[in-house]
């Protein structure tokens, strides 16, 4: 997962805002819950970017579907349960703003 995140960070570093860069850095450092909080604040902002929705949905999906991810990263069971509920909501919100996004249709 770190390799994918590094590619995303490199590919989009000039196009992203500071919040997304901070969230990606938190992910690279294994601070996934911090990243989730940043992405959550970004998606309710005035002009949320596509990457915030995609990255947040992926983190929620990882937590909801991969028990070992939660154990390795000290993520609580209650967060995983919330992630399972939040994942489809984030996808739907993203699809409303970015209906032509291939990533959202893939993850849905």
Protein backbone atom coordinates (compact mmCIF):
# COMPACT_ATOMS: atom_id res chain seq x y z
CA UNK A 1 0.00 0.00 0.00
CA UNK A 2 2.90 2.36 0.71
CA UNK A 3 4.19 2.04 -2.87
CA UNK A 4 0.76 3.00 -4.25
CA UNK A 5 0.57 5.97 -1.91
CA UNK A 6 4.03 7.15 -2.93
CA UNK A 7 3.05 6.99 -6.60
CA UNK A 8 -0.10 8.97 -5.88
CA UNK A 9 1.85 11.53 -3.87
CA UNK A 10 4.44 11.96 -6.61
CA UNK A 11 1.91 12.05 -9.43
CA UNK A 12 -0.35 14.65 -7.87
CA UNK A 13 1.93 16.69 -5.62
CA UNK A 14 1.70 19.81 -7.76
CA UNK A 15 -2.09 19.60 -8.11
CA UNK A 16 -3.14 18.95 -4.54
CA UNK A 17 -3.87 21.31 -1.76
CA UNK A 18 -1.99 21.34 1.52
CA UNK A 19 -4.64 19.26 3.34
CA UNK A 20 -4.30 16.41 0.89
CA UNK A 21 -0.53 16.53 1.06
CA UNK A 22 -0.73 16.41 4.86
CA UNK A 23 -3.15 13.48 4.75
CA UNK A 24 -0.95 11.55 2.32
CA UNK A 25 2.06 12.17 4.53
CA UNK A 26 0.08 10.86 7.51
CA UNK A 27 -0.76 7.73 5.51
CA UNK A 28 2.86 7.19 4.53
CA UNK A 29 3.79 7.46 8.21
CA UNK A 30 1.09 4.93 9.17
CA UNK A 31 -1.08 7.52 10.90
CA UNK A 32 -4.24 6.39 9.14
CA UNK A 33 -6.72 7.78 11.66
CA UNK A 34 -5.11 11.21 11.33
CA UNK A 35 -5.41 10.92 7.56
CA UNK A 36 -9.09 9.99 7.88
CA UNK A 37 -9.78 13.12 9.93
CA UNK A 38 -8.04 15.32 7.38
CA UNK A 39 -9.87 13.73 4.45
CA UNK A 40 -13.20 14.05 6.29
CA UNK A 41 -12.63 17.77 6.80
CA UNK A 42 -11.60 18.11 3.17
CA UNK A 43 -14.72 16.46 1.73
CA UNK A 44 -16.99 18.88 3.57
CA UNK A 45 -14.95 21.88 2.47
CA UNK A 46 -16.15 24.38 -0.08
CA UNK A 47 -14.28 22.79 -2.99
CA UNK A 48 -13.37 19.20 -2.10
CA UNK A 49 -10.98 17.42 -4.42
CA UNK A 50 -11.53 14.04 -5.99
CA UNK A 51 -8.50 12.51 -4.28
CA UNK A 52 -9.86 13.23 -0.81
CA UNK A 53 -12.96 11.15 -1.53
CA UNK A 54 -11.05 8.31 -3.16
CA UNK A 55 -8.36 8.10 -0.49
CA UNK A 56 -10.89 8.32 2.34
CA UNK A 57 -13.10 5.65 0.78
CA UNK A 58 -10.07 3.39 0.35
CA UNK A 59 -9.04 3.82 3.98
CA UNK A 60 -12.58 3.05 5.14
CA UNK A 61 -12.73 0.02 2.85
CA UNK A 62 -9.36 -1.21 4.15
CA UNK A 63 -10.50 -0.93 7.74
CA UNK A 64 -13.92 -2.46 7.09
CA UNK A 65 -12.65 -5.39 5.05
CA UNK A 66 -9.19 -6.27 6.34
CA UNK A 67 -8.92 -7.30 9.98
CA UNK A 68 -5.14 -7.56 9.76
CA UNK A 69 -4.95 -3.93 8.57
CA UNK A 70 -6.70 -2.90 11.78
CA UNK A 71 -4.50 -5.02 14.02
CA UNK A 72 -1.25 -3.89 12.38
CA UNK A 73 -2.27 -0.24 12.69
CA UNK A 74 -3.93 -0.31 16.13
CA UNK A 75 -7.34 0.57 14.69
CA UNK A 76 -10.24 -0.23 16.97
CA UNK A 77 -13.11 -2.53 16.15
CA UNK A 78 -15.55 0.32 16.63
CA UNK A 79 -13.73 2.38 14.01
CA UNK A 80 -13.88 -0.60 11.62
CA UNK A 81 -17.64 -0.85 12.18
CA UNK A 82 -18.03 2.87 11.52
CA UNK A 83 -15.82 2.55 8.44
CA UNK A 84 -18.10 -0.14 7.04
CA UNK A 85 -21.03 2.27 7.28
CA UNK A 86 -19.12 5.34 6.14
CA UNK A 87 -17.47 3.77 3.08
CA UNK A 88 -20.59 3.71 0.85
CA UNK A 89 -21.61 7.19 2.01
CA UNK A 90 -18.26 8.66 0.98
CA UNK A 91 -18.50 6.93 -2.40
CA UNK A 92 -21.98 8.32 -3.01
CA UNK A 93 -20.93 11.84 -2.05
CA UNK A 94 -17.95 11.59 -4.36
CA UNK A 95 -20.07 10.27 -7.22
CA UNK A 96 -22.45 13.21 -6.89
CA UNK A 97 -19.59 15.66 -7.28
CA UNK A 98 -17.56 13.62 -9.77
CA UNK A 99 -20.05 11.45 -11.69
CA UNK A 100 -17.57 10.60 -14.45
CA UNK A 101 -14.90 9.31 -12.06
CA UNK A 102 -13.86 5.79 -13.05
CA UNK A 103 -12.42 5.21 -9.56
CA UNK A 104 -15.76 5.79 -7.84
CA UNK A 105 -17.56 3.43 -10.18
CA UNK A 106 -14.85 0.83 -9.63
CA UNK A 107 -15.01 1.02 -5.83
CA UNK A 108 -18.78 1.05 -5.79
